[in-house]
Amino acid sequence: MGTREDYQALMEKQLNAWKAQTEAFKAAAEQIEAHAKAQYEKNLEILRAKQTEAWEYFHKLKGANEGAWAQFKAHMDKARGEVKDAVERMTTKSKQ
């Protein structure tokens, strides 16, 4: 084989190797995206559950008598912190 044919064969081999590697990267990226989406949806589900719980405590707090108000306030403070953490987790993950 002459120089021209050798060069073309070498380039074809390299281009095919890069094509295969690119396809592998694409497949890996799709897996990462699927995993990231699943994690995002899980975090969103947690956030929604924490919000629901916080609203329940809020409504109980609003209707509580003086004796129960302090107890519901403690629950509300805890729920508020959990919702805040879940929102921050969602914000951090969406920036990555």
N, C-alpha and C. Protein backbone atom coordinates (compact mmCIF):
# COMPACT_ATOMS: atom_id res chain seq x y z
N MET A 1 0.84 -1.16 0.00
CA MET A 1 0.00 0.00 0.00
C MET A 1 0.89 1.23 0.00
N GLY A 2 0.45 2.25 -0.72
CA GLY A 2 1.22 3.48 -0.79
C GLY A 2 0.92 4.39 0.38
N THR A 3 1.63 5.47 0.45
CA THR A 3 1.50 6.43 1.53
C THR A 3 0.08 6.99 1.61
N ARG A 4 -0.47 7.29 0.48
CA ARG A 4 -1.82 7.85 0.44
C ARG A 4 -2.83 6.86 1.03
N GLU A 5 -2.76 5.61 0.59
CA GLU A 5 -3.68 4.59 1.08
C GLU A 5 -3.47 4.30 2.56
N ASP A 6 -2.22 4.29 3.00
CA ASP A 6 -1.92 4.08 4.42
C ASP A 6 -2.53 5.19 5.28
N TYR A 7 -2.34 6.39 4.80
CA TYR A 7 -2.85 7.55 5.53
C TYR A 7 -4.38 7.49 5.60
N GLN A 8 -5.03 7.20 4.49
CA GLN A 8 -6.49 7.13 4.48
C GLN A 8 -6.99 6.02 5.39
N ALA A 9 -6.33 4.89 5.37
CA ALA A 9 -6.73 3.77 6.23
C ALA A 9 -6.56 4.15 7.71
N LEU A 10 -5.45 4.80 8.02
CA LEU A 10 -5.20 5.23 9.39
C LEU A 10 -6.26 6.24 9.85
N MET A 11 -6.58 7.20 8.97
CA MET A 11 -7.58 8.21 9.32
C MET A 11 -8.96 7.59 9.46
N GLU A 12 -9.30 6.66 8.57
CA GLU A 12 -10.60 6.00 8.66
C GLU A 12 -10.70 5.22 9.97
N LYS A 13 -9.65 4.53 10.33
CA LYS A 13 -9.62 3.77 11.58
C LYS A 13 -9.78 4.71 12.78
N GLN A 14 -9.05 5.82 12.77
CA GLN A 14 -9.12 6.78 13.88
C GLN A 14 -10.50 7.41 13.96
N LEU A 15 -11.04 7.82 12.82
CA LEU A 15 -12.38 8.43 12.81
C LEU A 15 -13.44 7.45 13.31
N ASN A 16 -13.34 6.19 12.92
CA ASN A 16 -14.29 5.18 13.40
C ASN A 16 -14.13 4.95 14.90
N ALA A 17 -12.91 4.96 15.39
CA ALA A 17 -12.67 4.81 16.83
C ALA A 17 -13.27 5.98 17.60
N TRP A 18 -13.09 7.19 17.07
CA TRP A 18 -13.67 8.37 17.73
C TRP A 18 -15.19 8.34 17.68
N LYS A 19 -15.73 7.84 16.56
CA LYS A 19 -17.18 7.73 16.44
C LYS A 19 -17.72 6.78 17.51
N ALA A 20 -17.07 5.64 17.66
CA ALA A 20 -17.49 4.67 18.68
C ALA A 20 -17.38 5.25 20.09
N GLN A 21 -16.30 5.98 20.32
CA GLN A 21 -16.10 6.60 21.63
C GLN A 21 -17.17 7.67 21.89
N THR A 22 -17.52 8.43 20.86
CA THR A 22 -18.56 9.45 20.99
C THR A 22 -19.90 8.82 21.31
N GLU A 23 -20.21 7.71 20.67
CA GLU A 23 -21.46 7.00 20.96
C GLU A 23 -21.48 6.49 22.39
N ALA A 24 -20.34 6.03 22.87
CA ALA A 24 -20.26 5.58 24.26
C ALA A 24 -20.47 6.74 25.22
N PHE A 25 -19.90 7.90 24.89
CA PHE A 25 -20.12 9.10 25.71
C PHE A 25 -21.59 9.49 25.72
N LYS A 26 -22.22 9.42 24.55
CA LYS A 26 -23.63 9.76 24.45
C LYS A 26 -24.48 8.84 25.32
N ALA A 27 -24.20 7.55 25.25
CA ALA A 27 -24.95 6.58 26.06
C ALA A 27 -24.73 6.85 27.55
N ALA A 28 -23.50 7.16 27.92
CA ALA A 28 -23.21 7.48 29.32
C ALA A 28 -23.92 8.74 29.76
N ALA A 29 -23.97 9.74 28.88
CA ALA A 29 -24.65 11.00 29.21
C ALA A 29 -26.14 10.76 29.43
N GLU A 30 -26.74 9.91 28.62
CA GLU A 30 -28.16 9.60 28.79
C GLU A 30 -28.41 8.92 30.13
N GLN A 31 -27.49 8.07 30.56
CA GLN A 31 -27.63 7.41 31.86
C GLN A 31 -27.50 8.42 32.99
N ILE A 32 -26.55 9.33 32.84
CA ILE A 32 -26.37 10.37 33.86
C ILE A 32 -27.62 11.24 33.93
N GLU A 33 -28.15 11.61 32.77
CA GLU A 33 -29.35 12.43 32.74
C GLU A 33 -30.52 11.70 33.39
N ALA A 34 -30.67 10.42 33.10
CA ALA A 34 -31.76 9.64 33.70
C ALA A 34 -31.60 9.58 35.21
N HIS A 35 -30.37 9.36 35.67
CA HIS A 35 -30.11 9.31 37.11
C HIS A 35 -30.36 10.67 37.74
N ALA A 36 -29.89 11.73 37.09
CA ALA A 36 -30.08 13.08 37.63
C ALA A 36 -31.57 13.42 37.68
N LYS A 37 -32.31 13.04 36.66
CA LYS A 37 -33.74 13.31 36.63
C LYS A 37 -34.45 12.55 37.74
N ALA A 38 -34.07 11.30 37.94
CA ALA A 38 -34.67 10.51 39.01
C ALA A 38 -34.39 11.12 40.38
N GLN A 39 -33.16 11.59 40.58
CA GLN A 39 -32.80 12.22 41.85
C GLN A 39 -33.57 13.53 42.03
N TYR A 40 -33.69 14.31 40.97
CA TYR A 40 -34.42 15.57 41.01
C TYR A 40 -35.88 15.32 41.39
N GLU A 41 -36.50 14.33 40.75
CA GLU A 41 -37.89 14.01 41.05
C GLU A 41 -38.05 13.50 42.47
N LYS A 42 -37.08 12.76 42.97
CA LYS A 42 -37.13 12.28 44.35
C LYS A 42 -37.06 13.47 45.31
N ASN A 43 -36.15 14.40 45.04
CA ASN A 43 -36.03 15.59 45.88
C ASN A 43 -37.29 16.44 45.81
N LEU A 44 -37.90 16.52 44.64
CA LEU A 44 -39.15 17.27 44.47
C LEU A 44 -40.27 16.63 45.26
N GLU A 45 -40.33 15.31 45.25
CA GLU A 45 -41.33 14.58 46.02
C GLU A 45 -41.16 14.84 47.52
N ILE A 46 -39.93 14.83 47.98
CA ILE A 46 -39.63 15.13 49.39
C ILE A 46 -40.07 16.55 49.72
N LEU A 47 -39.76 17.49 48.84
CA LEU A 47 -40.14 18.89 49.06
C LEU A 47 -41.65 19.02 49.18
N ARG A 48 -42.37 18.40 48.27
CA ARG A 48 -43.84 18.48 48.31
C ARG A 48 -44.40 17.88 49.60
N ALA A 49 -43.84 16.76 50.03
CA ALA A 49 -44.30 16.14 51.27
C ALA A 49 -44.03 17.05 52.47
N LYS A 50 -42.86 17.66 52.48
CA LYS A 50 -42.52 18.57 53.58
C LYS A 50 -43.43 19.79 53.57
N GLN A 51 -43.76 20.30 52.38
CA GLN A 51 -44.67 21.45 52.29
C GLN A 51 -46.06 21.07 52.79
N THR A 52 -46.55 19.90 52.41
CA THR A 52 -47.86 19.44 52.87
C THR A 52 -47.89 19.35 54.39
N GLU A 53 -46.83 18.78 54.95
CA GLU A 53 -46.74 18.67 56.40
C GLU A 53 -46.71 20.05 57.07
N ALA A 54 -45.95 20.96 56.48
CA ALA A 54 -45.86 22.31 57.04
C ALA A 54 -47.22 23.01 57.00
N TRP A 55 -47.95 22.85 55.90
CA TRP A 55 -49.29 23.46 55.81
C TRP A 55 -50.24 22.87 56.85
N GLU A 56 -50.13 21.57 57.09
CA GLU A 56 -50.97 20.94 58.10
C GLU A 56 -50.69 21.53 59.48
N TYR A 57 -49.40 21.67 59.81
CA TYR A 57 -49.06 22.28 61.09
C TYR A 57 -49.49 23.73 61.15
N PHE A 58 -49.39 24.44 60.05
CA PHE A 58 -49.80 25.85 60.02
C PHE A 58 -51.29 25.98 60.33
N HIS A 59 -52.12 25.14 59.70
CA HIS A 59 -53.56 25.20 59.95
C HIS A 59 -53.88 24.81 61.39
N LYS A 60 -53.17 23.83 61.92
CA LYS A 60 -53.37 23.45 63.33
C LYS A 60 -52.94 24.59 64.25
N LEU A 61 -51.84 25.23 63.90
CA LEU A 61 -51.32 26.35 64.69
C LEU A 61 -52.34 27.48 64.74
N LYS A 62 -52.92 27.78 63.59
CA LYS A 62 -53.90 28.87 63.51
C LYS A 62 -55.12 28.60 64.39
N GLY A 63 -55.53 27.34 64.48
CA GLY A 63 -56.72 27.01 65.25
C GLY A 63 -56.45 26.56 66.67
N ALA A 64 -55.20 26.57 67.08
CA ALA A 64 -54.84 26.06 68.41
C ALA A 64 -55.22 27.03 69.51
N ASN A 65 -55.59 26.46 70.65
CA ASN A 65 -55.83 27.29 71.83
C ASN A 65 -54.48 27.64 72.46
N GLU A 66 -54.49 28.47 73.46
CA GLU A 66 -53.25 28.93 74.10
C GLU A 66 -52.39 27.77 74.60
N GLY A 67 -53.01 26.74 75.15
CA GLY A 67 -52.25 25.63 75.71
C GLY A 67 -51.53 24.80 74.64
N ALA A 68 -52.15 24.64 73.49
CA ALA A 68 -51.58 23.80 72.44
C ALA A 68 -50.72 24.61 71.46
N TRP A 69 -50.86 25.93 71.49
CA TRP A 69 -50.17 26.78 70.51
C TRP A 69 -48.66 26.58 70.55
N ALA A 70 -48.06 26.53 71.73
CA ALA A 70 -46.61 26.38 71.85
C ALA A 70 -46.15 25.05 71.24
N GLN A 71 -46.94 24.00 71.44
CA GLN A 71 -46.59 22.70 70.88
C GLN A 71 -46.65 22.75 69.35
N PHE A 72 -47.70 23.32 68.81
CA PHE A 72 -47.81 23.42 67.35
C PHE A 72 -46.76 24.36 66.76
N LYS A 73 -46.39 25.37 67.52
CA LYS A 73 -45.34 26.29 67.06
C LYS A 73 -44.02 25.53 66.91
N ALA A 74 -43.72 24.66 67.86
CA ALA A 74 -42.49 23.86 67.79
C ALA A 74 -42.51 22.95 66.56
N HIS A 75 -43.66 22.33 66.30
CA HIS A 75 -43.80 21.50 65.11
C HIS A 75 -43.66 22.34 63.84
N MET A 76 -44.26 23.53 63.86
CA MET A 76 -44.20 24.42 62.70
C MET A 76 -42.77 24.86 62.44
N ASP A 77 -42.03 25.19 63.49
CA ASP A 77 -40.63 25.61 63.34
C ASP A 77 -39.79 24.48 62.72
N LYS A 78 -40.04 23.26 63.18
CA LYS A 78 -39.31 22.10 62.64
C LYS A 78 -39.67 21.89 61.17
N ALA A 79 -40.95 21.94 60.86
CA ALA A 79 -41.41 21.76 59.48
C ALA A 79 -40.87 22.86 58.58
N ARG A 80 -40.83 24.08 59.08
CA ARG A 80 -40.29 25.21 58.31
C ARG A 80 -38.83 24.95 57.94
N GLY A 81 -38.05 24.48 58.91
CA GLY A 81 -36.65 24.17 58.66
C GLY A 81 -36.48 23.05 57.63
N GLU A 82 -37.34 22.05 57.70
CA GLU A 82 -37.27 20.95 56.74
C GLU A 82 -37.63 21.40 55.32
N VAL A 83 -38.64 22.26 55.21
CA VAL A 83 -39.01 22.78 53.89
C VAL A 83 -37.88 23.65 53.35
N LYS A 84 -37.32 24.49 54.21
CA LYS A 84 -36.21 25.35 53.78
C LYS A 84 -35.04 24.50 53.28
N ASP A 85 -34.69 23.45 54.01
CA ASP A 85 -33.60 22.55 53.59
C ASP A 85 -33.92 21.89 52.25
N ALA A 86 -35.16 21.46 52.07
CA ALA A 86 -35.56 20.79 50.82
C ALA A 86 -35.50 21.77 49.65
N VAL A 87 -35.91 23.02 49.87
CA VAL A 87 -35.84 24.03 48.82
C VAL A 87 -34.38 24.31 48.46
N GLU A 88 -33.53 24.43 49.47
CA GLU A 88 -32.11 24.67 49.20
C GLU A 88 -31.48 23.49 48.46
N ARG A 89 -31.88 22.27 48.80
CA ARG A 89 -31.37 21.09 48.12
C ARG A 89 -31.78 21.12 46.64
N MET A 90 -33.02 21.50 46.38
CA MET A 90 -33.51 21.60 44.99
C MET A 90 -32.75 22.69 44.25
N THR A 91 -32.52 23.82 44.90
CA THR A 91 -31.82 24.95 44.27
C THR A 91 -30.38 24.56 43.95
N THR A 92 -29.73 23.91 44.88
CA THR A 92 -28.34 23.49 44.67
C THR A 92 -28.25 22.47 43.54
N LYS A 93 -29.14 21.50 43.51
CA LYS A 93 -29.10 20.46 42.48
C LYS A 93 -29.42 21.01 41.11
N SER A 94 -30.30 22.02 41.03
CA SER A 94 -30.65 22.56 39.73
C SER A 94 -29.54 23.41 39.13
N LYS A 95 -28.62 23.89 39.97
CA LYS A 95 -27.49 24.69 39.48
C LYS A 95 -26.33 23.83 39.01
N GLN A 96 -26.34 22.56 39.35
CA GLN A 96 -25.23 21.66 39.01
C GLN A 96 -25.37 21.14 37.61
